[in-house]
Amino acid sequence: MELSVERLDVWAATIDDKPGGLAKLLSVLRNAGVDLQFIVAGRTPEASGKGRVKARGLACAPRPQ
């Protein structure tokens, strides 16, 4: 099986580990017109009450006024 490997830019952020923590961040990206290719989120064992999210955006298009 042949594999293809490439380097990608990925955004990372810390979020609150509580209901709505990820939604708050995603609404900012949505309002900026970001088209996401993937997103991975999870808890951070080293920081109680916090989580980490990593995302890859394909494009950022201006939103219609």
PDB file of N, CA and C in Angstrom:
ATOM      1  N   MET A   1       0.844  -1.175   0.000  1.00  0.00           N
ATOM      2  CA  MET A   1       0.000   0.000   0.000  1.00  0.00           C
ATOM      3  C   MET A   1       0.891   1.241   0.000  1.00  0.00           C
ATOM      4  N   GLU A   2       0.646   2.132  -0.929  1.00  0.00           N
ATOM      5  CA  GLU A   2       1.413   3.363  -1.047  1.00  0.00           C
ATOM      6  C   GLU A   2       0.779   4.450  -0.186  1.00  0.00           C
ATOM      7  N   LEU A   3       1.606   5.214   0.529  1.00  0.00           N
ATOM      8  CA  LEU A   3       1.133   6.304   1.376  1.00  0.00           C
ATOM      9  C   LEU A   3       1.602   7.634   0.832  1.00  0.00           C
ATOM     10  N   SER A   4       0.782   8.630   1.011  1.00  0.00           N
ATOM     11  CA  SER A   4       1.140   9.988   0.643  1.00  0.00           C
ATOM     12  C   SER A   4       1.157  10.824   1.925  1.00  0.00           C
ATOM     13  N   VAL A   5       2.251  11.537   2.171  1.00  0.00           N
ATOM     14  CA  VAL A   5       2.381  12.351   3.370  1.00  0.00           C
ATOM     15  C   VAL A   5       2.634  13.782   2.946  1.00  0.00           C
ATOM     16  N   GLU A   6       1.914  14.711   3.583  1.00  0.00           N
ATOM     17  CA  GLU A   6       2.135  16.121   3.296  1.00  0.00           C
ATOM     18  C   GLU A   6       1.993  16.924   4.570  1.00  0.00           C
ATOM     19  N   ARG A   7       2.623  18.061   4.626  1.00  0.00           N
ATOM     20  CA  ARG A   7       2.562  18.949   5.785  1.00  0.00           C
ATOM     21  C   ARG A   7       1.356  19.881   5.627  1.00  0.00           C
ATOM     22  N   LEU A   8       0.599  20.024   6.716  1.00  0.00           N
ATOM     23  CA  LEU A   8      -0.588  20.878   6.711  1.00  0.00           C
ATOM     24  C   LEU A   8      -0.507  21.891   7.839  1.00  0.00           C
ATOM     25  N   ASP A   9      -1.095  23.059   7.632  1.00  0.00           N
ATOM     26  CA  ASP A   9      -1.256  24.021   8.713  1.00  0.00           C
ATOM     27  C   ASP A   9      -2.490  23.628   9.510  1.00  0.00           C
ATOM     28  N   VAL A  10      -2.357  23.594  10.824  1.00  0.00           N
ATOM     29  CA  VAL A  10      -3.453  23.205  11.706  1.00  0.00           C
ATOM     30  C   VAL A  10      -3.581  24.268  12.790  1.00  0.00           C
ATOM     31  N   TRP A  11      -4.810  24.684  13.081  1.00  0.00           N
ATOM     32  CA  TRP A  11      -5.071  25.612  14.176  1.00  0.00           C
ATOM     33  C   TRP A  11      -5.247  24.817  15.444  1.00  0.00           C
ATOM     34  N   ALA A  12      -4.768  25.337  16.555  1.00  0.00           N
ATOM     35  CA  ALA A  12      -4.962  24.697  17.857  1.00  0.00           C
ATOM     36  C   ALA A  12      -5.391  25.763  18.860  1.00  0.00           C
ATOM     37  N   ALA A  13      -6.286  25.366  19.762  1.00  0.00           N
ATOM     38  CA  ALA A  13      -6.765  26.300  20.776  1.00  0.00           C
ATOM     39  C   ALA A  13      -7.149  25.542  22.033  1.00  0.00           C
ATOM     40  N   THR A  14      -7.125  26.251  23.148  1.00  0.00           N
ATOM     41  CA  THR A  14      -7.607  25.707  24.408  1.00  0.00           C
ATOM     42  C   THR A  14      -9.054  26.152  24.579  1.00  0.00           C
ATOM     43  N   ILE A  15      -9.904  25.218  25.017  1.00  0.00           N
ATOM     44  CA  ILE A  15     -11.320  25.522  25.229  1.00  0.00           C
ATOM     45  C   ILE A  15     -11.710  25.100  26.635  1.00  0.00           C
ATOM     46  N   ASP A  16     -12.820  25.643  27.119  1.00  0.00           N
ATOM     47  CA  ASP A  16     -13.363  25.215  28.402  1.00  0.00           C
ATOM     48  C   ASP A  16     -14.012  23.849  28.238  1.00  0.00           C
ATOM     49  N   ASP A  17     -13.706  22.932  29.160  1.00  0.00           N
ATOM     50  CA  ASP A  17     -14.283  21.590  29.131  1.00  0.00           C
ATOM     51  C   ASP A  17     -15.620  21.621  29.867  1.00  0.00           C
ATOM     52  N   LYS A  18     -16.598  22.214  29.193  1.00  0.00           N
ATOM     53  CA  LYS A  18     -17.947  22.304  29.736  1.00  0.00           C
ATOM     54  C   LYS A  18     -18.908  22.405  28.557  1.00  0.00           C
ATOM     55  N   PRO A  19     -20.193  22.150  28.789  1.00  0.00           N
ATOM     56  CA  PRO A  19     -21.147  22.232  27.678  1.00  0.00           C
ATOM     57  C   PRO A  19     -21.067  23.591  26.980  1.00  0.00           C
ATOM     58  N   GLY A  20     -20.947  23.553  25.664  1.00  0.00           N
ATOM     59  CA  GLY A  20     -20.879  24.773  24.867  1.00  0.00           C
ATOM     60  C   GLY A  20     -19.477  25.294  24.625  1.00  0.00           C
ATOM     61  N   GLY A  21     -18.463  24.700  25.264  1.00  0.00           N
ATOM     62  CA  GLY A  21     -17.091  25.179  25.093  1.00  0.00           C
ATOM     63  C   GLY A  21     -16.612  25.081  23.654  1.00  0.00           C
ATOM     64  N   LEU A  22     -16.845  23.950  23.015  1.00  0.00           N
ATOM     65  CA  LEU A  22     -16.451  23.771  21.614  1.00  0.00           C
ATOM     66  C   LEU A  22     -17.355  24.576  20.685  1.00  0.00           C
ATOM     67  N   ALA A  23     -18.642  24.624  20.988  1.00  0.00           N
ATOM     68  CA  ALA A  23     -19.591  25.367  20.153  1.00  0.00           C
ATOM     69  C   ALA A  23     -19.231  26.851  20.085  1.00  0.00           C
ATOM     70  N   LYS A  24     -18.738  27.391  21.194  1.00  0.00           N
ATOM     71  CA  LYS A  24     -18.341  28.805  21.223  1.00  0.00           C
ATOM     72  C   LYS A  24     -17.233  29.074  20.209  1.00  0.00           C
ATOM     73  N   LEU A  25     -16.228  28.202  20.178  1.00  0.00           N
ATOM     74  CA  LEU A  25     -15.128  28.359  19.224  1.00  0.00           C
ATOM     75  C   LEU A  25     -15.602  28.137  17.788  1.00  0.00           C
ATOM     76  N   LEU A  26     -16.407  27.103  17.586  1.00  0.00           N
ATOM     77  CA  LEU A  26     -16.877  26.802  16.229  1.00  0.00           C
ATOM     78  C   LEU A  26     -17.746  27.919  15.670  1.00  0.00           C
ATOM     79  N   SER A  27     -18.492  28.616  16.518  1.00  0.00           N
ATOM     80  CA  SER A  27     -19.320  29.721  16.022  1.00  0.00           C
ATOM     81  C   SER A  27     -18.444  30.865  15.528  1.00  0.00           C
ATOM     82  N   VAL A  28     -17.285  31.081  16.167  1.00  0.00           N
ATOM     83  CA  VAL A  28     -16.355  32.116  15.705  1.00  0.00           C
ATOM     84  C   VAL A  28     -15.818  31.756  14.318  1.00  0.00           C
ATOM     85  N   LEU A  29     -15.440  30.488  14.148  1.00  0.00           N
ATOM     86  CA  LEU A  29     -14.938  30.044  12.843  1.00  0.00           C
ATOM     87  C   LEU A  29     -16.025  30.123  11.777  1.00  0.00           C
ATOM     88  N   ARG A  30     -17.253  29.733  12.134  1.00  0.00           N
ATOM     89  CA  ARG A  30     -18.365  29.810  11.189  1.00  0.00           C
ATOM     90  C   ARG A  30     -18.595  31.255  10.753  1.00  0.00           C
ATOM     91  N   ASN A  31     -18.602  32.177  11.714  1.00  0.00           N
ATOM     92  CA  ASN A  31     -18.839  33.590  11.401  1.00  0.00           C
ATOM     93  C   ASN A  31     -17.721  34.188  10.559  1.00  0.00           C
ATOM     94  N   ALA A  32     -16.539  33.591  10.622  1.00  0.00           N
ATOM     95  CA  ALA A  32     -15.419  34.043   9.790  1.00  0.00           C
ATOM     96  C   ALA A  32     -15.464  33.413   8.401  1.00  0.00           C
ATOM     97  N   GLY A  33     -16.398  32.474   8.188  1.00  0.00           N
ATOM     98  CA  GLY A  33     -16.530  31.843   6.880  1.00  0.00           C
ATOM     99  C   GLY A  33     -15.540  30.718   6.639  1.00  0.00           C
ATOM    100  N   VAL A  34     -15.006  30.132   7.698  1.00  0.00           N
ATOM    101  CA  VAL A  34     -14.022  29.059   7.556  1.00  0.00           C
ATOM    102  C   VAL A  34     -14.712  27.760   7.157  1.00  0.00           C
ATOM    103  N   ASP A  35     -14.184  27.104   6.145  1.00  0.00           N
ATOM    104  CA  ASP A  35     -14.650  25.791   5.698  1.00  0.00           C
ATOM    105  C   ASP A  35     -13.684  24.763   6.273  1.00  0.00           C
ATOM    106  N   LEU A  36     -14.127  23.988   7.274  1.00  0.00           N
ATOM    107  CA  LEU A  36     -13.235  23.055   7.963  1.00  0.00           C
ATOM    108  C   LEU A  36     -13.086  21.736   7.225  1.00  0.00           C
ATOM    109  N   GLN A  37     -11.867  21.239   7.175  1.00  0.00           N
ATOM    110  CA  GLN A  37     -11.568  19.934   6.591  1.00  0.00           C
ATOM    111  C   GLN A  37     -11.639  18.861   7.671  1.00  0.00           C
ATOM    112  N   PHE A  38     -11.114  19.156   8.856  1.00  0.00           N
ATOM    113  CA  PHE A  38     -11.239  18.225   9.982  1.00  0.00           C
ATOM    114  C   PHE A  38     -11.134  18.980  11.291  1.00  0.00           C
ATOM    115  N   ILE A  39     -11.637  18.346  12.350  1.00  0.00           N
ATOM    116  CA  ILE A  39     -11.545  18.903  13.695  1.00  0.00           C
ATOM    117  C   ILE A  39     -11.415  17.750  14.681  1.00  0.00           C
ATOM    118  N   VAL A  40     -10.520  17.916  15.658  1.00  0.00           N
ATOM    119  CA  VAL A  40     -10.312  16.921  16.707  1.00  0.00           C
ATOM    120  C   VAL A  40     -10.318  17.682  18.033  1.00  0.00           C
ATOM    121  N   ALA A  41     -11.128  17.222  18.980  1.00  0.00           N
ATOM    122  CA  ALA A  41     -11.199  17.881  20.280  1.00  0.00           C
ATOM    123  C   ALA A  41     -11.146  16.837  21.383  1.00  0.00           C
ATOM    124  N   GLY A  42     -10.589  17.214  22.507  1.00  0.00           N
ATOM    125  CA  GLY A  42     -10.523  16.299  23.637  1.00  0.00           C
ATOM    126  C   GLY A  42     -10.125  17.020  24.907  1.00  0.00           C
ATOM    127  N   ARG A  43     -10.217  16.322  26.011  1.00  0.00           N
ATOM    128  CA  ARG A  43      -9.833  16.874  27.307  1.00  0.00           C
ATOM    129  C   ARG A  43      -8.315  16.903  27.444  1.00  0.00           C
ATOM    130  N   THR A  44      -7.847  17.815  28.288  1.00  0.00           N
ATOM    131  CA  THR A  44      -6.425  17.872  28.597  1.00  0.00           C
ATOM    132  C   THR A  44      -6.232  17.379  30.030  1.00  0.00           C
ATOM    133  N   PRO A  45      -5.577  16.229  30.213  1.00  0.00           N
ATOM    134  CA  PRO A  45      -5.398  15.699  31.559  1.00  0.00           C
ATOM    135  C   PRO A  45      -4.524  16.585  32.450  1.00  0.00           C
ATOM    136  N   GLU A  46      -3.667  17.394  31.841  1.00  0.00           N
ATOM    137  CA  GLU A  46      -2.774  18.239  32.634  1.00  0.00           C
ATOM    138  C   GLU A  46      -3.424  19.545  33.096  1.00  0.00           C
ATOM    139  N   ALA A  47      -4.597  19.887  32.544  1.00  0.00           N
ATOM    140  CA  ALA A  47      -5.284  21.132  32.923  1.00  0.00           C
ATOM    141  C   ALA A  47      -6.759  20.828  33.183  1.00  0.00           C
ATOM    142  N   SER A  48      -7.091  20.670  34.451  1.00  0.00           N
ATOM    143  CA  SER A  48      -8.468  20.350  34.819  1.00  0.00           C
ATOM    144  C   SER A  48      -9.436  21.429  34.336  1.00  0.00           C
ATOM    145  N   GLY A  49     -10.532  20.993  33.728  1.00  0.00           N
ATOM    146  CA  GLY A  49     -11.546  21.936  33.254  1.00  0.00           C
ATOM    147  C   GLY A  49     -11.252  22.543  31.899  1.00  0.00           C
ATOM    148  N   LYS A  50     -10.201  22.081  31.233  1.00  0.00           N
ATOM    149  CA  LYS A  50      -9.838  22.612  29.911  1.00  0.00           C
ATOM    150  C   LYS A  50      -9.771  21.491  28.886  1.00  0.00           C
ATOM    151  N   GLY A  51      -9.879  21.853  27.636  1.00  0.00           N
ATOM    152  CA  GLY A  51      -9.746  20.912  26.541  1.00  0.00           C
ATOM    153  C   GLY A  51      -8.912  21.535  25.439  1.00  0.00           C
ATOM    154  N   ARG A  52      -8.540  20.730  24.464  1.00  0.00           N
ATOM    155  CA  ARG A  52      -7.781  21.213  23.308  1.00  0.00           C
ATOM    156  C   ARG A  52      -8.547  20.867  22.053  1.00  0.00           C
ATOM    157  N   VAL A  53      -8.500  21.753  21.099  1.00  0.00           N
ATOM    158  CA  VAL A  53      -9.123  21.494  19.806  1.00  0.00           C
ATOM    159  C   VAL A  53      -8.102  21.814  18.726  1.00  0.00           C
ATOM    160  N   LYS A  54      -8.065  20.963  17.713  1.00  0.00           N
ATOM    161  CA  LYS A  54      -7.196  21.169  16.547  1.00  0.00           C
ATOM    162  C   LYS A  54      -8.080  21.091  15.319  1.00  0.00           C
ATOM    163  N   ALA A  55      -7.865  22.008  14.390  1.00  0.00           N
ATOM    164  CA  ALA A  55      -8.703  22.055  13.198  1.00  0.00           C
ATOM    165  C   ALA A  55      -7.880  22.458  11.994  1.00  0.00           C
ATOM    166  N   ARG A  56      -8.333  22.018  10.853  1.00  0.00           N
ATOM    167  CA  ARG A  56      -7.713  22.358   9.570  1.00  0.00           C
ATOM    168  C   ARG A  56      -8.770  23.039   8.725  1.00  0.00           C
ATOM    169  N   GLY A  57      -8.514  24.268   8.333  1.00  0.00           N
ATOM    170  CA  GLY A  57      -9.435  25.012   7.489  1.00  0.00           C
ATOM    171  C   GLY A  57      -9.029  24.921   6.024  1.00  0.00           C
ATOM    172  N   LEU A  58     -10.006  24.692   5.182  1.00  0.00           N
ATOM    173  CA  LEU A  58      -9.739  24.655   3.741  1.00  0.00           C
ATOM    174  C   LEU A  58      -9.695  26.058   3.151  1.00  0.00           C
ATOM    175  N   ALA A  59     -10.627  26.883   3.577  1.00  0.00           N
ATOM    176  CA  ALA A  59     -10.709  28.230   3.007  1.00  0.00           C
ATOM    177  C   ALA A  59     -11.421  29.147   3.978  1.00  0.00           C
ATOM    178  N   CYS A  60     -11.161  30.414   3.816  1.00  0.00           N
ATOM    179  CA  CYS A  60     -11.841  31.427   4.617  1.00  0.00           C
ATOM    180  C   CYS A  60     -12.423  32.433   3.654  1.00  0.00           C
ATOM    181  N   ALA A  61     -13.725  32.317   3.432  1.00  0.00           N
ATOM    182  CA  ALA A  61     -14.381  33.204   2.478  1.00  0.00           C
ATOM    183  C   ALA A  61     -15.155  34.284   3.223  1.00  0.00           C
ATOM    184  N   PRO A  62     -15.190  35.496   2.695  1.00  0.00           N
ATOM    185  CA  PRO A  62     -15.968  36.543   3.358  1.00  0.00           C
ATOM    186  C   PRO A  62     -17.464  36.183   3.355  1.00  0.00           C
ATOM    187  N   ARG A  63     -18.114  36.468   4.461  1.00  0.00           N
ATOM    188  CA  ARG A  63     -19.543  36.202   4.566  1.00  0.00           C
ATOM    189  C   ARG A  63     -20.311  37.361   3.962  1.00  0.00           C
ATOM    190  N   PRO A  64     -21.426  37.074   3.278  1.00  0.00           N
ATOM    191  CA  PRO A  64     -22.236  38.149   2.696  1.00  0.00           C
ATOM    192  C   PRO A  64     -22.789  39.078   3.782  1.00  0.00           C
ATOM    193  N   GLN A  65     -22.843  40.336   3.480  1.00  0.00           N
ATOM    194  CA  GLN A  65     -23.367  41.330   4.438  1.00  0.00           C
ATOM    195  C   GLN A  65     -24.877  41.361   4.435  1.00  0.00           C
TER     196      GLN A  65
END
